[in-house]
């Protein structure tokens, strides 16, 4: 299997895990570790040079959004809060890998 294919599968798996695990109100360290590992895989294998700026901007917005108090909304608030937290746990490591890559790339050009 090609590396780009593994990255795509890891991305889709991570997105599905984020939503499915938000439906389950039990949150353990294992869930977070799974999302972190999938995020690292996505960061290493799935983000191309042309996508780095858009990905990093979207990551910043997502991580900033995770601080909003959507958990206070009636009925759907807890689900939304868990979903956003899971997305941030998944995208955060990928954003870290991509941002380090961009910093190294910029440092090599100067």
C-alpha atoms as a PDB file:
ATOM      1  CA  UNK A   1       0.000   0.000   0.000  1.00  0.00           C
ATOM      2  CA  UNK A   2       1.355   3.442  -0.939  1.00  0.00           C
ATOM      3  CA  UNK A   3       2.213   5.907   1.806  1.00  0.00           C
ATOM      4  CA  UNK A   4      -0.279   8.484   0.539  1.00  0.00           C
ATOM      5  CA  UNK A   5      -2.983   5.824   0.681  1.00  0.00           C
ATOM      6  CA  UNK A   6      -2.065   4.984   4.281  1.00  0.00           C
ATOM      7  CA  UNK A   7      -2.281   8.696   5.144  1.00  0.00           C
ATOM      8  CA  UNK A   8      -5.708   8.994   3.529  1.00  0.00           C
ATOM      9  CA  UNK A   9      -6.984   5.919   5.364  1.00  0.00           C
ATOM     10  CA  UNK A  10      -5.584   7.283   8.650  1.00  0.00           C
ATOM     11  CA  UNK A  11      -7.335  10.606   8.033  1.00  0.00           C
ATOM     12  CA  UNK A  12     -10.712   9.028   7.313  1.00  0.00           C
ATOM     13  CA  UNK A  13     -10.320   6.620  10.225  1.00  0.00           C
ATOM     14  CA  UNK A  14      -9.472   9.516  12.523  1.00  0.00           C
ATOM     15  CA  UNK A  15     -12.504  11.516  11.433  1.00  0.00           C
ATOM     16  CA  UNK A  16     -14.799   8.539  11.949  1.00  0.00           C
ATOM     17  CA  UNK A  17     -13.246   7.795  15.345  1.00  0.00           C
ATOM     18  CA  UNK A  18     -13.758  11.413  16.404  1.00  0.00           C
ATOM     19  CA  UNK A  19     -17.469  11.245  15.674  1.00  0.00           C
ATOM     20  CA  UNK A  20     -18.083   7.694  16.899  1.00  0.00           C
ATOM     21  CA  UNK A  21     -16.144   8.242  20.115  1.00  0.00           C
ATOM     22  CA  UNK A  22     -18.085  11.450  20.737  1.00  0.00           C
ATOM     23  CA  UNK A  23     -21.265   9.364  20.809  1.00  0.00           C
ATOM     24  CA  UNK A  24     -19.806   7.334  23.668  1.00  0.00           C
ATOM     25  CA  UNK A  25     -19.658   9.487  26.800  1.00  0.00           C
ATOM     26  CA  UNK A  26     -16.742   7.479  28.222  1.00  0.00           C
ATOM     27  CA  UNK A  27     -13.405   9.149  27.526  1.00  0.00           C
ATOM     28  CA  UNK A  28     -10.172   7.385  28.396  1.00  0.00           C
ATOM     29  CA  UNK A  29      -6.497   8.002  27.786  1.00  0.00           C
ATOM     30  CA  UNK A  30      -6.597   5.172  25.238  1.00  0.00           C
ATOM     31  CA  UNK A  31      -9.007   7.164  23.074  1.00  0.00           C
ATOM     32  CA  UNK A  32      -6.722  10.183  23.197  1.00  0.00           C
ATOM     33  CA  UNK A  33      -3.636   8.109  22.361  1.00  0.00           C
ATOM     34  CA  UNK A  34      -5.385   6.527  19.354  1.00  0.00           C
ATOM     35  CA  UNK A  35      -6.348   9.970  18.045  1.00  0.00           C
ATOM     36  CA  UNK A  36      -2.850  11.329  18.670  1.00  0.00           C
ATOM     37  CA  UNK A  37      -1.197   8.455  16.787  1.00  0.00           C
ATOM     38  CA  UNK A  38      -3.606   8.784  13.865  1.00  0.00           C
ATOM     39  CA  UNK A  39      -2.928  12.535  13.816  1.00  0.00           C
ATOM     40  CA  UNK A  40       0.820  11.948  13.676  1.00  0.00           C
ATOM     41  CA  UNK A  41       0.371   9.508  10.786  1.00  0.00           C
ATOM     42  CA  UNK A  42      -1.732  12.065   8.921  1.00  0.00           C
ATOM     43  CA  UNK A  43       0.812  14.805   9.574  1.00  0.00           C
ATOM     44  CA  UNK A  44       3.703  12.713   8.271  1.00  0.00           C
ATOM     45  CA  UNK A  45       1.997  11.087   5.288  1.00  0.00           C
ATOM     46  CA  UNK A  46      -0.991  13.082   4.132  1.00  0.00           C
ATOM     47  CA  UNK A  47      -0.217  16.798   4.071  1.00  0.00           C
ATOM     48  CA  UNK A  48       1.442  18.023   0.880  1.00  0.00           C
ATOM     49  CA  UNK A  49       3.486  21.222   0.371  1.00  0.00           C
ATOM     50  CA  UNK A  50       0.661  23.020  -1.383  1.00  0.00           C
ATOM     51  CA  UNK A  51      -1.762  22.256   1.474  1.00  0.00           C
ATOM     52  CA  UNK A  52       0.361  23.339   4.440  1.00  0.00           C
ATOM     53  CA  UNK A  53      -0.928  26.917   4.764  1.00  0.00           C
ATOM     54  CA  UNK A  54      -4.591  25.938   4.504  1.00  0.00           C
ATOM     55  CA  UNK A  55      -4.123  22.996   6.855  1.00  0.00           C
ATOM     56  CA  UNK A  56      -2.338  25.048   9.499  1.00  0.00           C
ATOM     57  CA  UNK A  57      -4.950  27.826   9.318  1.00  0.00           C
ATOM     58  CA  UNK A  58      -7.786  25.315   9.628  1.00  0.00           C
ATOM     59  CA  UNK A  59      -5.979  23.659  12.540  1.00  0.00           C
ATOM     60  CA  UNK A  60      -5.645  26.966  14.377  1.00  0.00           C
ATOM     61  CA  UNK A  61      -9.340  27.683  13.933  1.00  0.00           C
ATOM     62  CA  UNK A  62     -10.318  24.193  15.070  1.00  0.00           C
ATOM     63  CA  UNK A  63      -8.113  24.285  18.151  1.00  0.00           C
ATOM     64  CA  UNK A  64      -9.367  27.786  19.042  1.00  0.00           C
ATOM     65  CA  UNK A  65     -12.946  26.592  18.571  1.00  0.00           C
ATOM     66  CA  UNK A  66     -12.370  23.768  21.026  1.00  0.00           C
ATOM     67  CA  UNK A  67     -12.248  26.394  23.796  1.00  0.00           C
ATOM     68  CA  UNK A  68     -15.798  27.603  23.137  1.00  0.00           C
ATOM     69  CA  UNK A  69     -18.446  26.591  25.694  1.00  0.00           C
ATOM     70  CA  UNK A  70     -20.671  24.575  23.341  1.00  0.00           C
ATOM     71  CA  UNK A  71     -21.129  22.037  26.140  1.00  0.00           C
ATOM     72  CA  UNK A  72     -23.632  24.440  27.706  1.00  0.00           C
ATOM     73  CA  UNK A  73     -26.066  24.005  24.828  1.00  0.00           C
ATOM     74  CA  UNK A  74     -29.063  21.880  25.742  1.00  0.00           C
ATOM     75  CA  UNK A  75     -29.406  18.360  24.306  1.00  0.00           C
ATOM     76  CA  UNK A  76     -26.565  18.414  21.758  1.00  0.00           C
ATOM     77  CA  UNK A  77     -23.958  20.417  23.685  1.00  0.00           C
ATOM     78  CA  UNK A  78     -22.131  17.506  25.323  1.00  0.00           C
ATOM     79  CA  UNK A  79     -21.879  15.657  22.002  1.00  0.00           C
ATOM     80  CA  UNK A  80     -20.542  18.769  20.240  1.00  0.00           C
ATOM     81  CA  UNK A  81     -18.015  19.388  23.012  1.00  0.00           C
ATOM     82  CA  UNK A  82     -16.705  15.800  22.826  1.00  0.00           C
ATOM     83  CA  UNK A  83     -16.593  15.921  19.016  1.00  0.00           C
ATOM     84  CA  UNK A  84     -14.622  19.175  18.941  1.00  0.00           C
ATOM     85  CA  UNK A  85     -12.261  17.897  21.643  1.00  0.00           C
ATOM     86  CA  UNK A  86     -11.694  14.691  19.662  1.00  0.00           C
ATOM     87  CA  UNK A  87     -11.062  16.661  16.455  1.00  0.00           C
ATOM     88  CA  UNK A  88      -8.556  18.879  18.279  1.00  0.00           C
ATOM     89  CA  UNK A  89      -6.825  15.789  19.717  1.00  0.00           C
ATOM     90  CA  UNK A  90      -6.645  14.331  16.205  1.00  0.00           C
ATOM     91  CA  UNK A  91      -5.628  17.443  14.258  1.00  0.00           C
ATOM     92  CA  UNK A  92      -3.251  18.886  16.878  1.00  0.00           C
ATOM     93  CA  UNK A  93      -0.426  16.354  16.370  1.00  0.00           C
ATOM     94  CA  UNK A  94      -0.776  16.604  12.586  1.00  0.00           C
ATOM     95  CA  UNK A  95      -0.544  20.398  12.838  1.00  0.00           C
ATOM     96  CA  UNK A  96       2.561  20.056  15.017  1.00  0.00           C
ATOM     97  CA  UNK A  97       4.281  17.831  12.441  1.00  0.00           C
ATOM     98  CA  UNK A  98       3.331  20.123   9.549  1.00  0.00           C
ATOM     99  CA  UNK A  99       4.403  23.280  11.402  1.00  0.00           C
ATOM    100  CA  UNK A 100       7.805  21.762  12.248  1.00  0.00           C
ATOM    101  CA  UNK A 101       8.167  20.775   8.587  1.00  0.00           C
ATOM    102  CA  UNK A 102       7.364  24.341   7.480  1.00  0.00           C
ATOM    103  CA  UNK A 103       9.829  25.823   9.991  1.00  0.00           C
ATOM    104  CA  UNK A 104      12.597  23.495   8.769  1.00  0.00           C
ATOM    105  CA  UNK A 105      11.751  24.309   5.156  1.00  0.00           C
ATOM    106  CA  UNK A 106      11.919  28.053   5.842  1.00  0.00           C
ATOM    107  CA  UNK A 107      15.209  27.692   7.737  1.00  0.00           C
ATOM    108  CA  UNK A 108      16.784  25.764   4.854  1.00  0.00           C
ATOM    109  CA  UNK A 109      15.906  28.459   2.312  1.00  0.00           C
ATOM    110  CA  UNK A 110      17.649  31.262   4.217  1.00  0.00           C
END
